[in-house]
Protein backbone atom coordinates (compact mmCIF):
# COMPACT_ATOMS: atom_id res chain seq x y z
CA UNK A 1 33.83 -30.87 -11.59
CA UNK A 2 34.11 -27.94 -13.98
CA UNK A 3 33.54 -24.49 -12.61
CA UNK A 4 32.36 -21.58 -14.69
CA UNK A 5 34.53 -18.54 -14.49
CA UNK A 6 31.90 -16.14 -13.19
CA UNK A 7 32.62 -12.48 -12.37
CA UNK A 8 32.16 -13.13 -8.66
CA UNK A 9 34.85 -15.85 -8.82
CA UNK A 10 37.52 -13.26 -9.66
CA UNK A 11 39.59 -11.58 -6.97
CA UNK A 12 38.23 -8.26 -5.73
CA UNK A 13 41.24 -6.32 -7.05
CA UNK A 14 40.62 -7.66 -10.57
CA UNK A 15 36.93 -6.77 -10.37
CA UNK A 16 37.77 -3.21 -9.27
CA UNK A 17 40.27 -2.84 -12.13
CA UNK A 18 37.72 -4.06 -14.68
CA UNK A 19 35.04 -1.69 -13.36
CA UNK A 20 37.47 1.24 -13.52
CA UNK A 21 38.41 0.36 -17.10
CA UNK A 22 34.74 0.13 -18.08
CA UNK A 23 34.03 3.50 -16.45
CA UNK A 24 36.97 5.15 -18.28
CA UNK A 25 35.83 3.65 -21.58
CA UNK A 26 32.26 4.88 -21.04
CA UNK A 27 33.49 8.39 -20.19
CA UNK A 28 35.73 8.43 -23.30
CA UNK A 29 32.84 7.37 -25.56
CA UNK A 30 30.55 10.02 -24.05
CA UNK A 31 33.22 12.67 -24.50
CA UNK A 32 33.65 11.64 -28.15
CA UNK A 33 29.92 11.96 -28.70
CA UNK A 34 29.86 15.29 -26.84
CA UNK A 35 27.44 13.83 -24.34
CA UNK A 36 29.34 14.20 -21.10
CA UNK A 37 26.71 14.62 -18.42
CA UNK A 38 23.90 14.11 -20.95
CA UNK A 39 21.68 11.28 -22.05
CA UNK A 40 23.43 8.76 -24.34
CA UNK A 41 20.19 8.17 -26.27
CA UNK A 42 19.86 11.81 -27.34
CA UNK A 43 22.79 13.95 -28.51
CA UNK A 44 22.58 17.55 -27.31
CA UNK A 45 21.22 18.83 -30.59
CA UNK A 46 18.45 16.19 -30.55
CA UNK A 47 17.19 16.37 -26.99
CA UNK A 48 13.50 15.43 -26.59
CA UNK A 49 11.06 18.31 -26.29
CA UNK A 50 10.42 19.51 -22.75
CA UNK A 51 7.03 18.52 -21.37
CA UNK A 52 4.70 21.43 -20.58
CA UNK A 53 4.32 22.38 -16.94
CA UNK A 54 1.03 21.07 -15.55
CA UNK A 55 -0.11 21.96 -12.07
CA UNK A 56 -0.63 18.81 -10.04
CA UNK A 57 -0.96 19.22 -6.30
CA UNK A 58 1.40 17.09 -4.29
CA UNK A 59 -1.27 16.09 -1.81
CA UNK A 60 -4.77 14.76 -2.48
CA UNK A 61 -7.72 16.59 -1.04
CA UNK A 62 -8.46 16.12 2.64
CA UNK A 63 -11.95 14.87 1.78
CA UNK A 64 -10.42 12.06 -0.24
CA UNK A 65 -8.05 11.15 2.58
CA UNK A 66 -10.95 11.13 5.07
CA UNK A 67 -13.07 8.98 2.73
CA UNK A 68 -10.25 6.45 2.31
CA UNK A 69 -9.65 6.41 6.07
CA UNK A 70 -13.34 5.75 6.81
CA UNK A 71 -13.56 2.98 4.21
CA UNK A 72 -10.40 1.28 5.50
CA UNK A 73 -11.69 1.45 9.06
CA UNK A 74 -15.04 -0.04 7.98
CA UNK A 75 -13.22 -2.84 6.12
CA UNK A 76 -11.08 -3.53 9.19
CA UNK A 77 -14.15 -3.62 11.46
CA UNK A 78 -16.01 -6.01 9.16
CA UNK A 79 -12.94 -8.24 9.07
CA UNK A 80 -12.91 -8.22 12.87
CA UNK A 81 -16.61 -9.17 12.97
CA UNK A 82 -16.03 -12.05 10.50
CA UNK A 83 -13.23 -13.30 12.75
CA UNK A 84 -15.61 -13.23 15.72
CA UNK A 85 -18.04 -15.49 13.85
CA UNK A 86 -15.48 -18.28 14.03
CA UNK A 87 -15.75 -18.29 17.85
CA UNK A 88 -18.14 -20.41 19.91
CA UNK A 89 -21.49 -18.99 21.01
CA UNK A 90 -20.51 -18.81 24.68
CA UNK A 91 -17.41 -16.77 23.75
CA UNK A 92 -19.59 -14.40 21.70
CA UNK A 93 -21.98 -14.10 24.64
CA UNK A 94 -19.03 -13.13 26.81
CA UNK A 95 -18.35 -10.27 24.40
CA UNK A 96 -22.02 -9.35 24.50
CA UNK A 97 -22.81 -10.43 20.95
CA UNK A 98 -25.10 -13.01 19.49
CA UNK A 99 -24.23 -14.89 16.31
CA UNK A 100 -27.41 -13.63 14.62
CA UNK A 101 -26.49 -10.01 15.44
CA UNK A 102 -23.05 -10.38 13.89
CA UNK A 103 -24.47 -12.01 10.78
CA UNK A 104 -27.04 -9.21 10.52
CA UNK A 105 -24.32 -6.57 10.79
CA UNK A 106 -22.22 -8.22 8.10
CA UNK A 107 -25.21 -8.32 5.73
CA UNK A 108 -25.61 -4.54 5.91
CA UNK A 109 -24.52 -2.52 2.84
CA UNK A 110 -20.80 -1.77 2.66
CA UNK A 111 -21.49 1.97 2.97
CA UNK A 112 -22.83 1.45 6.50
CA UNK A 113 -20.50 1.01 9.44
CA UNK A 114 -21.33 -2.42 10.87
CA UNK A 115 -19.89 -1.60 14.31
CA UNK A 116 -21.92 1.59 14.57
CA UNK A 117 -25.07 -0.31 13.58
CA UNK A 118 -24.38 -2.92 16.28
CA UNK A 119 -23.82 -0.18 18.88
CA UNK A 120 -27.08 1.49 17.90
CA UNK A 121 -28.95 -1.81 18.09
CA UNK A 122 -27.48 -2.59 21.54
CA UNK A 123 -28.32 0.91 22.82
CA UNK A 124 -31.88 0.59 21.52
CA UNK A 125 -32.22 -2.87 23.11
CA UNK A 126 -30.80 -1.59 26.43
CA UNK A 127 -33.20 1.38 26.45
CA UNK A 128 -36.14 -0.92 25.66
CA UNK A 129 -35.28 -3.33 28.48
CA UNK A 130 -35.03 -0.60 31.15
CA UNK A 131 -38.19 -0.31 33.24
CA UNK A 132 -40.00 2.99 32.96
CA UNK A 133 -41.07 4.67 36.19
């Protein structure tokens, strides 16, 4: 079976020697071009123009961060509710949910928090079922 002579087949000492030779050659070429420490694509007299300084804050606004946080939380909550729909009805009843309630909450617009709507609906139902004196 023929083996290719790949670089990783060579002894480590030979690889180090070849890398050192390549580095010395590269440094010699850069010195000849008067580019030591510069960019090989652009000689010093032909450096690209400097880009103008533009103010760009390093951190986005706190309103944007809050908006993203709220949307991610709403997405996570809806995902949790969809996972609950895969459970049996008696398991949902143990959590205090009905399948119809979960489906209703998932049909709400994306801008609304489905969990908050379910809490509000439960609170309203609990207040309605309490006897008034």
